[in-house]
Amino acid sequence: MATYDIGDKVTCTATFTDTSGGTVVPSAVAFSYKDPRGTSGTASVSGTAGVYTSTVEPDYPGIWRYRFAGTGSYVAAEEGSFKVRVRHVTA
């Protein structure tokens, strides 16, 4: 699991593939996340040809979880997580 610091810009990535390993392109892709406190949020998605990214700026330590969900012409989903370290120095 990747580890980041509070305030880093974390780029989350998803690649949607079919059973043969080829990339697929849904009609729309949504991105949502949940922080360690249980608060949910969304962010914009960019990408093409089955590979999508979204950026989160974590403001709280712990495990963050995210999900890309494709709808329409191809329904797919991919989830992931990353860890944010406790801040020891404040500035």
PDB file of N, CA and C in Angstrom:
ATOM      1  N   MET A   1       0.847  -1.169   0.000  1.00  0.00           N
ATOM      2  CA  MET A   1       0.000   0.000   0.000  1.00  0.00           C
ATOM      3  C   MET A   1       0.894   1.233   0.000  1.00  0.00           C
ATOM      4  N   ALA A   2       0.612   2.146  -0.893  1.00  0.00           N
ATOM      5  CA  ALA A   2       1.389   3.381  -0.984  1.00  0.00           C
ATOM      6  C   ALA A   2       1.109   4.261   0.232  1.00  0.00           C
ATOM      7  N   THR A   3       2.128   5.006   0.679  1.00  0.00           N
ATOM      8  CA  THR A   3       1.998   5.886   1.833  1.00  0.00           C
ATOM      9  C   THR A   3       2.324   7.313   1.421  1.00  0.00           C
ATOM     10  N   TYR A   4       1.504   8.264   1.915  1.00  0.00           N
ATOM     11  CA  TYR A   4       1.645   9.676   1.583  1.00  0.00           C
ATOM     12  C   TYR A   4       1.589  10.507   2.853  1.00  0.00           C
ATOM     13  N   ASP A   5       1.855  11.806   2.696  1.00  0.00           N
ATOM     14  CA  ASP A   5       1.763  12.750   3.793  1.00  0.00           C
ATOM     15  C   ASP A   5       0.516  13.603   3.633  1.00  0.00           C
ATOM     16  N   ILE A   6       0.037  14.166   4.749  1.00  0.00           N
ATOM     17  CA  ILE A   6      -1.088  15.083   4.703  1.00  0.00           C
ATOM     18  C   ILE A   6      -0.721  16.234   3.766  1.00  0.00           C
ATOM     19  N   GLY A   7      -1.615  16.571   2.851  1.00  0.00           N
ATOM     20  CA  GLY A   7      -1.386  17.657   1.902  1.00  0.00           C
ATOM     21  C   GLY A   7      -0.810  17.227   0.567  1.00  0.00           C
ATOM     22  N   ASP A   8      -0.315  16.010   0.462  1.00  0.00           N
ATOM     23  CA  ASP A   8       0.161  15.520  -0.837  1.00  0.00           C
ATOM     24  C   ASP A   8      -1.010  15.439  -1.810  1.00  0.00           C
ATOM     25  N   LYS A   9      -0.732  15.570  -3.080  1.00  0.00           N
ATOM     26  CA  LYS A   9      -1.735  15.306  -4.107  1.00  0.00           C
ATOM     27  C   LYS A   9      -1.555  13.856  -4.530  1.00  0.00           C
ATOM     28  N   VAL A  10      -2.564  13.036  -4.251  1.00  0.00           N
ATOM     29  CA  VAL A  10      -2.499  11.604  -4.534  1.00  0.00           C
ATOM     30  C   VAL A  10      -3.294  11.319  -5.797  1.00  0.00           C
ATOM     31  N   THR A  11      -2.621  10.790  -6.813  1.00  0.00           N
ATOM     32  CA  THR A  11      -3.296  10.425  -8.058  1.00  0.00           C
ATOM     33  C   THR A  11      -3.691   8.953  -7.992  1.00  0.00           C
ATOM     34  N   CYS A  12      -4.986   8.712  -8.062  1.00  0.00           N
ATOM     35  CA  CYS A  12      -5.530   7.355  -8.056  1.00  0.00           C
ATOM     36  C   CYS A  12      -5.784   6.948  -9.506  1.00  0.00           C
ATOM     37  N   THR A  13      -5.524   5.699  -9.839  1.00  0.00           N
ATOM     38  CA  THR A  13      -5.644   5.223 -11.217  1.00  0.00           C
ATOM     39  C   THR A  13      -6.431   3.924 -11.266  1.00  0.00           C
ATOM     40  N   ALA A  14      -7.222   3.786 -12.326  1.00  0.00           N
ATOM     41  CA  ALA A  14      -7.951   2.535 -12.579  1.00  0.00           C
ATOM     42  C   ALA A  14      -7.824   2.191 -14.053  1.00  0.00           C
ATOM     43  N   THR A  15      -7.659   0.910 -14.344  1.00  0.00           N
ATOM     44  CA  THR A  15      -7.664   0.413 -15.715  1.00  0.00           C
ATOM     45  C   THR A  15      -8.771  -0.618 -15.822  1.00  0.00           C
ATOM     46  N   PHE A  16      -9.738  -0.358 -16.686  1.00  0.00           N
ATOM     47  CA  PHE A  16     -10.853  -1.280 -16.872  1.00  0.00           C
ATOM     48  C   PHE A  16     -10.514  -2.237 -18.010  1.00  0.00           C
ATOM     49  N   THR A  17     -10.580  -3.547 -17.701  1.00  0.00           N
ATOM     50  CA  THR A  17     -10.279  -4.567 -18.705  1.00  0.00           C
ATOM     51  C   THR A  17     -11.396  -5.601 -18.743  1.00  0.00           C
ATOM     52  N   ASP A  18     -11.479  -6.300 -19.877  1.00  0.00           N
ATOM     53  CA  ASP A  18     -12.431  -7.404 -19.978  1.00  0.00           C
ATOM     54  C   ASP A  18     -11.728  -8.710 -19.620  1.00  0.00           C
ATOM     55  N   THR A  19     -12.418  -9.813 -19.724  1.00  0.00           N
ATOM     56  CA  THR A  19     -11.854 -11.105 -19.308  1.00  0.00           C
ATOM     57  C   THR A  19     -10.653 -11.532 -20.153  1.00  0.00           C
ATOM     58  N   SER A  20     -10.517 -10.983 -21.348  1.00  0.00           N
ATOM     59  CA  SER A  20      -9.367 -11.336 -22.183  1.00  0.00           C
ATOM     60  C   SER A  20      -8.175 -10.404 -21.957  1.00  0.00           C
ATOM     61  N   GLY A  21      -8.344  -9.403 -21.058  1.00  0.00           N
ATOM     62  CA  GLY A  21      -7.248  -8.491 -20.765  1.00  0.00           C
ATOM     63  C   GLY A  21      -7.232  -7.232 -21.595  1.00  0.00           C
ATOM     64  N   GLY A  22      -8.168  -7.079 -22.522  1.00  0.00           N
ATOM     65  CA  GLY A  22      -8.250  -5.861 -23.328  1.00  0.00           C
ATOM     66  C   GLY A  22      -8.929  -4.747 -22.551  1.00  0.00           C
ATOM     67  N   THR A  23      -8.501  -3.509 -22.787  1.00  0.00           N
ATOM     68  CA  THR A  23      -9.136  -2.396 -22.079  1.00  0.00           C
ATOM     69  C   THR A  23     -10.525  -2.132 -22.653  1.00  0.00           C
ATOM     70  N   VAL A  24     -11.418  -1.669 -21.798  1.00  0.00           N
ATOM     71  CA  VAL A  24     -12.784  -1.350 -22.184  1.00  0.00           C
ATOM     72  C   VAL A  24     -13.099   0.080 -21.779  1.00  0.00           C
ATOM     73  N   VAL A  25     -14.047   0.685 -22.484  1.00  0.00           N
ATOM     74  CA  VAL A  25     -14.363   2.091 -22.277  1.00  0.00           C
ATOM     75  C   VAL A  25     -15.834   2.242 -21.896  1.00  0.00           C
ATOM     76  N   PRO A  26     -16.134   2.502 -20.623  1.00  0.00           N
ATOM     77  CA  PRO A  26     -17.506   2.755 -20.215  1.00  0.00           C
ATOM     78  C   PRO A  26     -17.999   4.095 -20.787  1.00  0.00           C
ATOM     79  N   SER A  27     -19.297   4.294 -20.812  1.00  0.00           N
ATOM     80  CA  SER A  27     -19.854   5.579 -21.280  1.00  0.00           C
ATOM     81  C   SER A  27     -19.520   6.712 -20.310  1.00  0.00           C
ATOM     82  N   ALA A  28     -19.503   6.414 -19.015  1.00  0.00           N
ATOM     83  CA  ALA A  28     -19.176   7.413 -17.997  1.00  0.00           C
ATOM     84  C   ALA A  28     -18.424   6.728 -16.865  1.00  0.00           C
ATOM     85  N   VAL A  29     -17.549   7.485 -16.205  1.00  0.00           N
ATOM     86  CA  VAL A  29     -16.794   6.961 -15.070  1.00  0.00           C
ATOM     87  C   VAL A  29     -16.911   7.956 -13.918  1.00  0.00           C
ATOM     88  N   ALA A  30     -17.268   7.461 -12.747  1.00  0.00           N
ATOM     89  CA  ALA A  30     -17.365   8.279 -11.544  1.00  0.00           C
ATOM     90  C   ALA A  30     -16.294   7.846 -10.549  1.00  0.00           C
ATOM     91  N   PHE A  31     -15.866   8.783  -9.717  1.00  0.00           N
ATOM     92  CA  PHE A  31     -14.855   8.511  -8.698  1.00  0.00           C
ATOM     93  C   PHE A  31     -15.384   8.964  -7.345  1.00  0.00           C
ATOM     94  N   SER A  32     -15.270   8.102  -6.364  1.00  0.00           N
ATOM     95  CA  SER A  32     -15.653   8.474  -5.002  1.00  0.00           C
ATOM     96  C   SER A  32     -14.597   7.940  -4.039  1.00  0.00           C
ATOM     97  N   TYR A  33     -14.528   8.561  -2.865  1.00  0.00           N
ATOM     98  CA  TYR A  33     -13.561   8.141  -1.863  1.00  0.00           C
ATOM     99  C   TYR A  33     -14.171   8.257  -0.476  1.00  0.00           C
ATOM    100  N   LYS A  34     -13.519   7.588   0.489  1.00  0.00           N
ATOM    101  CA  LYS A  34     -13.917   7.678   1.886  1.00  0.00           C
ATOM    102  C   LYS A  34     -12.655   7.861   2.711  1.00  0.00           C
ATOM    103  N   ASP A  35     -12.661   8.895   3.562  1.00  0.00           N
ATOM    104  CA  ASP A  35     -11.488   9.140   4.388  1.00  0.00           C
ATOM    105  C   ASP A  35     -11.562   8.289   5.662  1.00  0.00           C
ATOM    106  N   PRO A  36     -10.502   8.287   6.488  1.00  0.00           N
ATOM    107  CA  PRO A  36     -10.481   7.439   7.679  1.00  0.00           C
ATOM    108  C   PRO A  36     -11.575   7.763   8.700  1.00  0.00           C
ATOM    109  N   ARG A  37     -12.138   8.970   8.647  1.00  0.00           N
ATOM    110  CA  ARG A  37     -13.218   9.350   9.564  1.00  0.00           C
ATOM    111  C   ARG A  37     -14.572   8.846   9.086  1.00  0.00           C
ATOM    112  N   GLY A  38     -14.615   8.306   7.850  1.00  0.00           N
ATOM    113  CA  GLY A  38     -15.871   7.822   7.286  1.00  0.00           C
ATOM    114  C   GLY A  38     -16.574   8.834   6.413  1.00  0.00           C
ATOM    115  N   THR A  39     -15.945   9.972   6.176  1.00  0.00           N
ATOM    116  CA  THR A  39     -16.528  11.010   5.332  1.00  0.00           C
ATOM    117  C   THR A  39     -16.303  10.662   3.872  1.00  0.00           C
ATOM    118  N   SER A  40     -17.363  10.715   3.073  1.00  0.00           N
ATOM    119  CA  SER A  40     -17.274  10.397   1.643  1.00  0.00           C
ATOM    120  C   SER A  40     -17.155  11.670   0.823  1.00  0.00           C
ATOM    121  N   GLY A  41     -16.551  11.516  -0.359  1.00  0.00           N
ATOM    122  CA  GLY A  41     -16.431  12.633  -1.286  1.00  0.00           C
ATOM    123  C   GLY A  41     -16.312  12.123  -2.705  1.00  0.00           C
ATOM    124  N   THR A  42     -16.346  13.043  -3.643  1.00  0.00           N
ATOM    125  CA  THR A  42     -16.173  12.725  -5.056  1.00  0.00           C
ATOM    126  C   THR A  42     -15.146  13.675  -5.654  1.00  0.00           C
ATOM    127  N   ALA A  43     -14.617  13.310  -6.786  1.00  0.00           N
ATOM    128  CA  ALA A  43     -13.670  14.158  -7.506  1.00  0.00           C
ATOM    129  C   ALA A  43     -13.829  13.883  -8.999  1.00  0.00           C
ATOM    130  N   SER A  44     -13.362  14.818  -9.812  1.00  0.00           N
ATOM    131  CA  SER A  44     -13.465  14.655 -11.257  1.00  0.00           C
ATOM    132  C   SER A  44     -12.543  13.543 -11.739  1.00  0.00           C
ATOM    133  N   VAL A  45     -12.885  12.998 -12.895  1.00  0.00           N
ATOM    134  CA  VAL A  45     -12.137  11.888 -13.500  1.00  0.00           C
ATOM    135  C   VAL A  45     -11.635  12.327 -14.862  1.00  0.00           C
ATOM    136  N   SER A  46     -10.409  11.952 -15.185  1.00  0.00           N
ATOM    137  CA  SER A  46      -9.899  12.170 -16.539  1.00  0.00           C
ATOM    138  C   SER A  46      -9.321  10.857 -17.049  1.00  0.00           C
ATOM    139  N   GLY A  47      -9.170  10.770 -18.357  1.00  0.00           N
ATOM    140  CA  GLY A  47      -8.585   9.571 -18.935  1.00  0.00           C
ATOM    141  C   GLY A  47      -9.273   9.157 -20.213  1.00  0.00           C
ATOM    142  N   THR A  48      -8.662   8.201 -20.885  1.00  0.00           N
ATOM    143  CA  THR A  48      -9.188   7.665 -22.131  1.00  0.00           C
ATOM    144  C   THR A  48      -8.770   6.212 -22.274  1.00  0.00           C
ATOM    145  N   ALA A  49      -9.375   5.534 -23.204  1.00  0.00           N
ATOM    146  CA  ALA A  49      -9.003   4.175 -23.594  1.00  0.00           C
ATOM    147  C   ALA A  49      -8.961   3.195 -22.426  1.00  0.00           C
ATOM    148  N   GLY A  50      -9.874   3.371 -21.457  1.00  0.00           N
ATOM    149  CA  GLY A  50      -9.962   2.416 -20.362  1.00  0.00           C
ATOM    150  C   GLY A  50      -9.074   2.692 -19.180  1.00  0.00           C
ATOM    151  N   VAL A  51      -8.240   3.752 -19.228  1.00  0.00           N
ATOM    152  CA  VAL A  51      -7.360   4.105 -18.123  1.00  0.00           C
ATOM    153  C   VAL A  51      -7.800   5.472 -17.589  1.00  0.00           C
ATOM    154  N   TYR A  52      -8.133   5.518 -16.286  1.00  0.00           N
ATOM    155  CA  TYR A  52      -8.715   6.722 -15.702  1.00  0.00           C
ATOM    156  C   TYR A  52      -7.954   7.131 -14.446  1.00  0.00           C
ATOM    157  N   THR A  53      -7.901   8.450 -14.181  1.00  0.00           N
ATOM    158  CA  THR A  53      -7.237   8.967 -12.994  1.00  0.00           C
ATOM    159  C   THR A  53      -8.125  10.003 -12.309  1.00  0.00           C
ATOM    160  N   SER A  54      -7.874  10.168 -11.027  1.00  0.00           N
ATOM    161  CA  SER A  54      -8.510  11.204 -10.235  1.00  0.00           C
ATOM    162  C   SER A  54      -7.539  11.560  -9.116  1.00  0.00           C
ATOM    163  N   THR A  55      -7.616  12.793  -8.632  1.00  0.00           N
ATOM    164  CA  THR A  55      -6.673  13.257  -7.615  1.00  0.00           C
ATOM    165  C   THR A  55      -7.395  13.601  -6.318  1.00  0.00           C
ATOM    166  N   VAL A  56      -6.798  13.180  -5.211  1.00  0.00           N
ATOM    167  CA  VAL A  56      -7.307  13.464  -3.875  1.00  0.00           C
ATOM    168  C   VAL A  56      -6.201  14.172  -3.096  1.00  0.00           C
ATOM    169  N   GLU A  57      -6.561  15.160  -2.260  1.00  0.00           N
ATOM    170  CA  GLU A  57      -5.604  15.827  -1.388  1.00  0.00           C
ATOM    171  C   GLU A  57      -5.969  15.492   0.058  1.00  0.00           C
ATOM    172  N   PRO A  58      -5.379  14.434   0.620  1.00  0.00           N
ATOM    173  CA  PRO A  58      -5.760  13.992   1.958  1.00  0.00           C
ATOM    174  C   PRO A  58      -5.400  15.011   3.041  1.00  0.00           C
ATOM    175  N   ASP A  59      -6.325  15.168   3.987  1.00  0.00           N
ATOM    176  CA  ASP A  59      -6.134  16.121   5.069  1.00  0.00           C
ATOM    177  C   ASP A  59      -6.230  15.464   6.442  1.00  0.00           C
ATOM    178  N   TYR A  60      -6.161  14.127   6.476  1.00  0.00           N
ATOM    179  CA  TYR A  60      -6.321  13.394   7.728  1.00  0.00           C
ATOM    180  C   TYR A  60      -5.533  12.083   7.628  1.00  0.00           C
ATOM    181  N   PRO A  61      -4.835  11.681   8.695  1.00  0.00           N
ATOM    182  CA  PRO A  61      -4.051  10.440   8.633  1.00  0.00           C
ATOM    183  C   PRO A  61      -4.923   9.197   8.699  1.00  0.00           C
ATOM    184  N   GLY A  62      -4.408   8.112   8.147  1.00  0.00           N
ATOM    185  CA  GLY A  62      -5.092   6.824   8.182  1.00  0.00           C
ATOM    186  C   GLY A  62      -5.244   6.233   6.794  1.00  0.00           C
ATOM    187  N   ILE A  63      -6.123   5.243   6.674  1.00  0.00           N
ATOM    188  CA  ILE A  63      -6.351   4.550   5.400  1.00  0.00           C
ATOM    189  C   ILE A  63      -7.486   5.238   4.645  1.00  0.00           C
ATOM    190  N   TRP A  64      -7.206   5.659   3.438  1.00  0.00           N
ATOM    191  CA  TRP A  64      -8.195   6.247   2.537  1.00  0.00           C
ATOM    192  C   TRP A  64      -8.562   5.186   1.516  1.00  0.00           C
ATOM    193  N   ARG A  65      -9.840   5.080   1.182  1.00  0.00           N
ATOM    194  CA  ARG A  65     -10.323   4.104   0.201  1.00  0.00           C
ATOM    195  C   ARG A  65     -11.024   4.838  -0.937  1.00  0.00           C
ATOM    196  N   TYR A  66     -10.891   4.287  -2.151  1.00  0.00           N
ATOM    197  CA  TYR A  66     -11.525   4.925  -3.299  1.00  0.00           C
ATOM    198  C   TYR A  66     -12.106   3.893  -4.255  1.00  0.00           C
ATOM    199  N   ARG A  67     -12.987   4.386  -5.131  1.00  0.00           N
ATOM    200  CA  ARG A  67     -13.653   3.512  -6.104  1.00  0.00           C
ATOM    201  C   ARG A  67     -13.910   4.279  -7.401  1.00  0.00           C
ATOM    202  N   PHE A  68     -13.509   3.673  -8.501  1.00  0.00           N
ATOM    203  CA  PHE A  68     -13.896   4.130  -9.832  1.00  0.00           C
ATOM    204  C   PHE A  68     -15.049   3.239 -10.282  1.00  0.00           C
ATOM    205  N   ALA A  69     -16.108   3.821 -10.813  1.00  0.00           N
ATOM    206  CA  ALA A  69     -17.256   3.037 -11.281  1.00  0.00           C
ATOM    207  C   ALA A  69     -17.631   3.478 -12.690  1.00  0.00           C
ATOM    208  N   GLY A  70     -17.599   2.534 -13.613  1.00  0.00           N
ATOM    209  CA  GLY A  70     -17.972   2.797 -14.999  1.00  0.00           C
ATOM    210  C   GLY A  70     -19.398   2.348 -15.257  1.00  0.00           C
ATOM    211  N   THR A  71     -20.125   3.129 -16.040  1.00  0.00           N
ATOM    212  CA  THR A  71     -21.515   2.798 -16.372  1.00  0.00           C
ATOM    213  C   THR A  71     -21.747   2.940 -17.868  1.00  0.00           C
ATOM    214  N   GLY A  72     -22.898   2.464 -18.317  1.00  0.00           N
ATOM    215  CA  GLY A  72     -23.287   2.631 -19.715  1.00  0.00           C
ATOM    216  C   GLY A  72     -22.867   1.468 -20.576  1.00  0.00           C
ATOM    217  N   SER A  73     -22.073   1.751 -21.600  1.00  0.00           N
ATOM    218  CA  SER A  73     -21.702   0.738 -22.586  1.00  0.00           C
ATOM    219  C   SER A  73     -20.893  -0.408 -21.985  1.00  0.00           C
ATOM    220  N   TYR A  74     -20.213  -0.155 -20.896  1.00  0.00           N
ATOM    221  CA  TYR A  74     -19.476  -1.209 -20.201  1.00  0.00           C
ATOM    222  C   TYR A  74     -19.512  -0.897 -18.714  1.00  0.00           C
ATOM    223  N   VAL A  75     -20.036  -1.789 -17.923  1.00  0.00           N
ATOM    224  CA  VAL A  75     -20.130  -1.588 -16.483  1.00  0.00           C
ATOM    225  C   VAL A  75     -18.913  -2.234 -15.832  1.00  0.00           C
ATOM    226  N   ALA A  76     -18.164  -1.436 -15.077  1.00  0.00           N
ATOM    227  CA  ALA A  76     -16.954  -1.935 -14.428  1.00  0.00           C
ATOM    228  C   ALA A  76     -16.695  -1.124 -13.168  1.00  0.00           C
ATOM    229  N   ALA A  77     -15.895  -1.674 -12.284  1.00  0.00           N
ATOM    230  CA  ALA A  77     -15.500  -0.949 -11.074  1.00  0.00           C
ATOM    231  C   ALA A  77     -14.117  -1.404 -10.648  1.00  0.00           C
ATOM    232  N   GLU A  78     -13.419  -0.507 -10.012  1.00  0.00           N
ATOM    233  CA  GLU A  78     -12.114  -0.841  -9.432  1.00  0.00           C
ATOM    234  C   GLU A  78     -11.952  -0.038  -8.155  1.00  0.00           C
ATOM    235  N   GLU A  79     -11.494  -0.704  -7.101  1.00  0.00           N
ATOM    236  CA  GLU A  79     -11.292  -0.047  -5.820  1.00  0.00           C
ATOM    237  C   GLU A  79      -9.827  -0.123  -5.419  1.00  0.00           C
ATOM    238  N   GLY A  80      -9.436   0.800  -4.569  1.00  0.00           N
ATOM    239  CA  GLY A  80      -8.073   0.811  -4.062  1.00  0.00           C
ATOM    240  C   GLY A  80      -7.997   1.568  -2.753  1.00  0.00           C
ATOM    241  N   SER A  81      -6.800   1.646  -2.199  1.00  0.00           N
ATOM    242  CA  SER A  81      -6.607   2.366  -0.949  1.00  0.00           C
ATOM    243  C   SER A  81      -5.173   2.869  -0.860  1.00  0.00           C
ATOM    244  N   PHE A  82      -4.971   3.826   0.012  1.00  0.00           N
ATOM    245  CA  PHE A  82      -3.635   4.327   0.302  1.00  0.00           C
ATOM    246  C   PHE A  82      -3.609   4.800   1.752  1.00  0.00           C
ATOM    247  N   LYS A  83      -2.410   4.917   2.289  1.00  0.00           N
ATOM    248  CA  LYS A  83      -2.224   5.314   3.689  1.00  0.00           C
ATOM    249  C   LYS A  83      -1.660   6.719   3.758  1.00  0.00           C
ATOM    250  N   VAL A  84      -2.136   7.489   4.745  1.00  0.00           N
ATOM    251  CA  VAL A  84      -1.614   8.830   4.994  1.00  0.00           C
ATOM    252  C   VAL A  84      -0.998   8.834   6.391  1.00  0.00           C
ATOM    253  N   ARG A  85       0.271   9.285   6.466  1.00  0.00           N
ATOM    254  CA  ARG A  85       1.004   9.314   7.738  1.00  0.00           C
ATOM    255  C   ARG A  85       0.499  10.422   8.654  1.00  0.00           C
ATOM    256  N   VAL A  86       0.698  10.200   9.935  1.00  0.00           N
ATOM    257  CA  VAL A  86       0.423  11.223  10.940  1.00  0.00           C
ATOM    258  C   VAL A  86       1.447  12.332  10.777  1.00  0.00           C
ATOM    259  N   ARG A  87       0.994  13.570  10.877  1.00  0.00           N
ATOM    260  CA  ARG A  87       1.904  14.712  10.789  1.00  0.00           C
ATOM    261  C   ARG A  87       2.562  14.906  12.145  1.00  0.00           C
ATOM    262  N   HIS A  88       3.905  14.960  12.161  1.00  0.00           N
ATOM    263  CA  HIS A  88       4.652  15.147  13.398  1.00  0.00           C
ATOM    264  C   HIS A  88       5.190  16.576  13.545  1.00  0.00           C
ATOM    265  N   VAL A  89       5.259  17.280  12.440  1.00  0.00           N
ATOM    266  CA  VAL A  89       5.746  18.662  12.477  1.00  0.00           C
ATOM    267  C   VAL A  89       4.671  19.542  11.862  1.00  0.00           C
ATOM    268  N   THR A  90       4.267  20.583  12.588  1.00  0.00           N
ATOM    269  CA  THR A  90       3.292  21.519  12.033  1.00  0.00           C
ATOM    270  C   THR A  90       4.004  22.795  11.642  1.00  0.00           C
ATOM    271  N   ALA A  91       3.559  23.369  10.577  1.00  0.00           N
ATOM    272  CA  ALA A  91       4.194  24.606  10.115  1.00  0.00           C
ATOM    273  C   ALA A  91       3.136  25.599   9.727  1.00  0.00           C
TER     274      ALA A  91
END
